[in-house]
Amino acid sequence: MLLDTVPSALQSSSSNNGATAQVDPNQIAHLLELQTDVERHLAKIERLLIQMEYNQTSGNQQVAVSDVTMNFGDKVIFLVTWAAAAVPASLIFLTVTWFALSILREMLATLL
């Protein structure tokens, strides 16, 4: 419990059977160090929460990939699949480009 962590000299007089509490300067210094440490941690948590809120509201999420382990067979399958997917993509790109250029050519032909 929190009361167990408070130095005995700083506890209320009711827990000391009505005796007047004597404050040790070392205990006060220790409590001030603890307070500074807690404030520092709270500031760090606040910065992290602000960053999390910013990431959620802006739609951005930072991701850091440190390592991807893949054996050789999986890499070969991945690259072959990637190459196979590039063929229809390039055909679609060429078709759209051909269509756009033909429209542009017709527009320029009518102007000249």
Protein backbone atom coordinates (compact mmCIF):
# COMPACT_ATOMS: atom_id res chain seq x y z
CA MET A 1 0.00 0.00 0.00
CA LEU A 2 1.04 3.62 -0.46
CA LEU A 3 1.07 4.26 3.29
CA ASP A 4 3.75 1.60 3.66
CA THR A 5 6.04 3.52 1.30
CA VAL A 6 5.75 6.84 3.20
CA PRO A 7 8.53 7.26 5.77
CA SER A 8 7.26 6.72 9.30
CA ALA A 9 8.21 10.23 10.44
CA LEU A 10 5.91 11.76 7.82
CA GLN A 11 2.83 9.69 8.63
CA SER A 12 -0.03 11.37 10.45
CA SER A 13 0.07 11.76 14.19
CA SER A 14 -2.91 9.41 14.55
CA SER A 15 -0.78 6.53 13.31
CA ASN A 16 1.97 7.54 15.77
CA ASN A 17 -0.42 7.42 18.76
CA GLY A 18 -0.77 11.20 18.88
CA ALA A 19 2.96 11.91 19.11
CA THR A 20 4.34 14.86 17.19
CA ALA A 21 5.99 13.84 13.93
CA GLN A 22 9.70 14.52 13.56
CA VAL A 23 10.76 15.27 9.99
CA ASP A 24 14.14 14.03 8.85
CA PRO A 25 15.83 16.24 6.21
CA ASN A 26 17.13 13.13 4.44
CA GLN A 27 13.59 11.85 4.07
CA ILE A 28 12.44 15.19 2.67
CA ALA A 29 15.30 15.14 0.16
CA HIS A 30 14.36 11.59 -0.79
CA LEU A 31 10.72 12.58 -1.27
CA LEU A 32 11.76 15.54 -3.43
CA GLU A 33 13.87 13.20 -5.58
CA LEU A 34 10.91 10.86 -5.93
CA GLN A 35 8.64 13.77 -6.85
CA THR A 36 11.10 14.96 -9.51
CA ASP A 37 11.39 11.44 -10.90
CA VAL A 38 7.60 11.02 -11.05
CA GLU A 39 7.20 14.41 -12.76
CA ARG A 40 9.84 13.45 -15.33
CA HIS A 41 8.07 10.15 -16.05
CA LEU A 42 4.70 11.89 -16.31
CA ALA A 43 6.13 14.39 -18.80
CA LYS A 44 7.50 11.51 -20.87
CA ILE A 45 4.14 9.72 -20.78
CA GLU A 46 2.38 12.95 -21.77
CA ARG A 47 4.69 13.37 -24.78
CA LEU A 48 3.99 9.77 -25.83
CA LEU A 49 0.24 10.25 -25.48
CA ILE A 50 0.36 13.44 -27.54
CA GLN A 51 2.32 11.60 -30.25
CA MET A 52 -0.17 8.72 -30.19
CA GLU A 53 -3.09 11.15 -30.46
CA TYR A 54 -1.40 12.93 -33.38
CA ASN A 55 -0.81 9.62 -35.16
CA GLN A 56 -4.43 8.59 -34.69
CA THR A 57 -5.90 11.91 -35.82
CA SER A 58 -3.63 12.40 -38.81
CA GLY A 59 -4.12 8.86 -40.06
CA ASN A 60 -0.38 8.27 -40.08
CA GLN A 61 1.19 5.47 -38.16
CA GLN A 62 4.92 5.15 -37.94
CA VAL A 63 6.24 1.66 -38.50
CA ALA A 64 9.84 0.56 -38.19
CA VAL A 65 10.74 -2.79 -39.72
CA SER A 66 13.87 -4.05 -38.07
CA ASP A 67 14.36 -7.40 -39.77
CA VAL A 68 12.60 -9.79 -42.10
CA THR A 69 13.78 -13.37 -42.02
CA MET A 70 12.97 -15.49 -45.04
CA ASN A 71 14.60 -18.66 -46.27
CA PHE A 72 15.82 -18.95 -49.85
CA GLY A 73 12.86 -20.96 -51.18
CA ASP A 74 10.35 -18.43 -49.85
CA LYS A 75 12.34 -15.57 -51.41
CA VAL A 76 12.30 -17.30 -54.80
CA ILE A 77 8.54 -17.89 -54.58
CA PHE A 78 8.00 -14.26 -53.55
CA LEU A 79 10.07 -12.89 -56.44
CA VAL A 80 8.42 -15.17 -59.03
CA THR A 81 4.97 -14.17 -57.76
CA TRP A 82 5.99 -10.50 -57.88
CA ALA A 83 7.25 -10.86 -61.45
CA ALA A 84 4.07 -12.68 -62.50
CA ALA A 85 1.94 -9.90 -60.99
CA ALA A 86 3.99 -7.27 -62.85
CA VAL A 87 3.00 -8.65 -66.28
CA PRO A 88 -0.74 -7.81 -66.10
CA ALA A 89 0.05 -4.54 -64.35
CA SER A 90 2.35 -3.49 -67.17
CA LEU A 91 -0.26 -4.52 -69.76
CA ILE A 92 -2.89 -2.41 -68.01
CA PHE A 93 -0.47 0.52 -67.81
CA LEU A 94 0.40 0.25 -71.51
CA THR A 95 -3.28 0.03 -72.50
CA VAL A 96 -4.21 3.12 -70.48
CA THR A 97 -1.19 5.01 -71.85
CA TRP A 98 -2.02 4.01 -75.45
CA PHE A 99 -5.64 5.10 -74.96
CA ALA A 100 -4.63 8.46 -73.43
CA LEU A 101 -2.08 9.14 -76.17
CA SER A 102 -4.58 8.28 -78.91
CA ILE A 103 -7.09 10.74 -77.45
CA LEU A 104 -4.37 13.39 -77.19
CA ARG A 105 -3.28 12.72 -80.78
CA GLU A 106 -6.86 13.12 -82.05
CA MET A 107 -7.29 16.36 -80.10
CA LEU A 108 -4.06 17.78 -81.53
CA ALA A 109 -5.02 16.64 -85.05
CA THR A 110 -8.32 18.53 -84.86
CA LEU A 111 -6.56 21.70 -83.67
CA LEU A 112 -3.99 21.69 -86.46
